[in-house]
Amino acid sequence: MSKEEKDILDVVIEKLGKKSKNDIVNFMHKEQAYVETAQRDYTIQICENLENLDMLRTYK
């Protein structure tokens, strides 16, 4: 493990080491990367559902 990787783990342990699982999950869900990915995935799912609906409407 590189020094940089160890330093990152040390910060994570310092910040989250005494938190409960639920606290960590809530923290992670507020992160910008999670929020943006969750929104993008939700948008993709809506588009796929609409495409499936269109396919059903035209199915004979």
C-alpha atoms as a PDB file:
ATOM      1  CA  MET A   1       0.000   0.000   0.000  1.00  0.00           C
ATOM      2  CA  SER A   2       1.349   3.394  -0.931  1.00  0.00           C
ATOM      3  CA  LYS A   3       1.761   6.215   1.579  1.00  0.00           C
ATOM      4  CA  GLU A   4      -0.984   8.157  -0.217  1.00  0.00           C
ATOM      5  CA  GLU A   5      -3.413   5.233   0.091  1.00  0.00           C
ATOM      6  CA  LYS A   6      -2.554   4.848   3.772  1.00  0.00           C
ATOM      7  CA  ASP A   7      -3.081   8.584   4.336  1.00  0.00           C
ATOM      8  CA  ILE A   8      -6.515   8.366   2.692  1.00  0.00           C
ATOM      9  CA  LEU A   9      -7.490   5.408   4.873  1.00  0.00           C
ATOM     10  CA  ASP A  10      -6.274   7.255   7.970  1.00  0.00           C
ATOM     11  CA  VAL A  11      -8.564  10.192   7.147  1.00  0.00           C
ATOM     12  CA  VAL A  12     -11.529   7.882   6.506  1.00  0.00           C
ATOM     13  CA  ILE A  13     -10.940   6.108   9.819  1.00  0.00           C
ATOM     14  CA  GLU A  14     -10.552   9.430  11.616  1.00  0.00           C
ATOM     15  CA  LYS A  15     -13.775  10.853  10.164  1.00  0.00           C
ATOM     16  CA  LEU A  16     -15.983   7.754  10.080  1.00  0.00           C
ATOM     17  CA  GLY A  17     -14.339   5.216  12.382  1.00  0.00           C
ATOM     18  CA  LYS A  18     -16.710   5.761  15.327  1.00  0.00           C
ATOM     19  CA  LYS A  19     -19.865   6.302  13.274  1.00  0.00           C
ATOM     20  CA  SER A  20     -22.639   3.750  13.043  1.00  0.00           C
ATOM     21  CA  LYS A  21     -23.471   2.017   9.781  1.00  0.00           C
ATOM     22  CA  ASN A  22     -26.582   4.185   9.416  1.00  0.00           C
ATOM     23  CA  ASP A  23     -24.596   7.372  10.019  1.00  0.00           C
ATOM     24  CA  ILE A  24     -22.114   6.363   7.321  1.00  0.00           C
ATOM     25  CA  VAL A  25     -24.896   5.470   4.868  1.00  0.00           C
ATOM     26  CA  ASN A  26     -26.624   8.814   5.496  1.00  0.00           C
ATOM     27  CA  PHE A  27     -23.313  10.623   5.046  1.00  0.00           C
ATOM     28  CA  MET A  28     -22.588   8.801   1.785  1.00  0.00           C
ATOM     29  CA  HIS A  29     -26.048   9.542   0.392  1.00  0.00           C
ATOM     30  CA  LYS A  30     -25.384  13.268   0.770  1.00  0.00           C
ATOM     31  CA  GLU A  31     -22.186  13.122  -1.289  1.00  0.00           C
ATOM     32  CA  GLN A  32     -22.426  14.924  -4.630  1.00  0.00           C
ATOM     33  CA  ALA A  33     -21.176  11.918  -6.585  1.00  0.00           C
ATOM     34  CA  TYR A  34     -23.895   9.702  -5.086  1.00  0.00           C
ATOM     35  CA  VAL A  35     -26.649  12.263  -5.588  1.00  0.00           C
ATOM     36  CA  GLU A  36     -25.693  12.884  -9.222  1.00  0.00           C
ATOM     37  CA  THR A  37     -25.377   9.165  -9.978  1.00  0.00           C
ATOM     38  CA  ALA A  38     -28.650   8.321  -8.245  1.00  0.00           C
ATOM     39  CA  GLN A  39     -30.466  11.035 -10.229  1.00  0.00           C
ATOM     40  CA  ARG A  40     -28.903   9.879 -13.509  1.00  0.00           C
ATOM     41  CA  ASP A  41     -29.865   6.264 -12.845  1.00  0.00           C
ATOM     42  CA  TYR A  42     -33.406   7.307 -11.970  1.00  0.00           C
ATOM     43  CA  THR A  43     -33.660   9.332 -15.192  1.00  0.00           C
ATOM     44  CA  ILE A  44     -32.362   6.396 -17.235  1.00  0.00           C
ATOM     45  CA  GLN A  45     -34.943   4.091 -15.626  1.00  0.00           C
ATOM     46  CA  ILE A  46     -37.769   6.519 -16.478  1.00  0.00           C
ATOM     47  CA  CYS A  47     -36.586   6.685 -20.098  1.00  0.00           C
ATOM     48  CA  GLU A  48     -36.414   2.900 -20.327  1.00  0.00           C
ATOM     49  CA  ASN A  49     -39.919   2.600 -18.888  1.00  0.00           C
ATOM     50  CA  LEU A  50     -41.234   5.106 -21.424  1.00  0.00           C
ATOM     51  CA  GLU A  51     -39.554   3.208 -24.259  1.00  0.00           C
ATOM     52  CA  ASN A  52     -41.145  -0.028 -23.034  1.00  0.00           C
ATOM     53  CA  LEU A  53     -44.521   1.691 -22.838  1.00  0.00           C
ATOM     54  CA  ASP A  54     -44.140   2.920 -26.420  1.00  0.00           C
ATOM     55  CA  MET A  55     -43.219  -0.595 -27.537  1.00  0.00           C
ATOM     56  CA  LEU A  56     -46.321  -1.994 -25.840  1.00  0.00           C
ATOM     57  CA  ARG A  57     -48.548   0.600 -27.513  1.00  0.00           C
ATOM     58  CA  THR A  58     -47.310  -0.354 -30.967  1.00  0.00           C
ATOM     59  CA  TYR A  59     -47.207  -4.128 -30.367  1.00  0.00           C
ATOM     60  CA  LYS A  60     -49.732  -6.105 -32.450  1.00  0.00           C
END
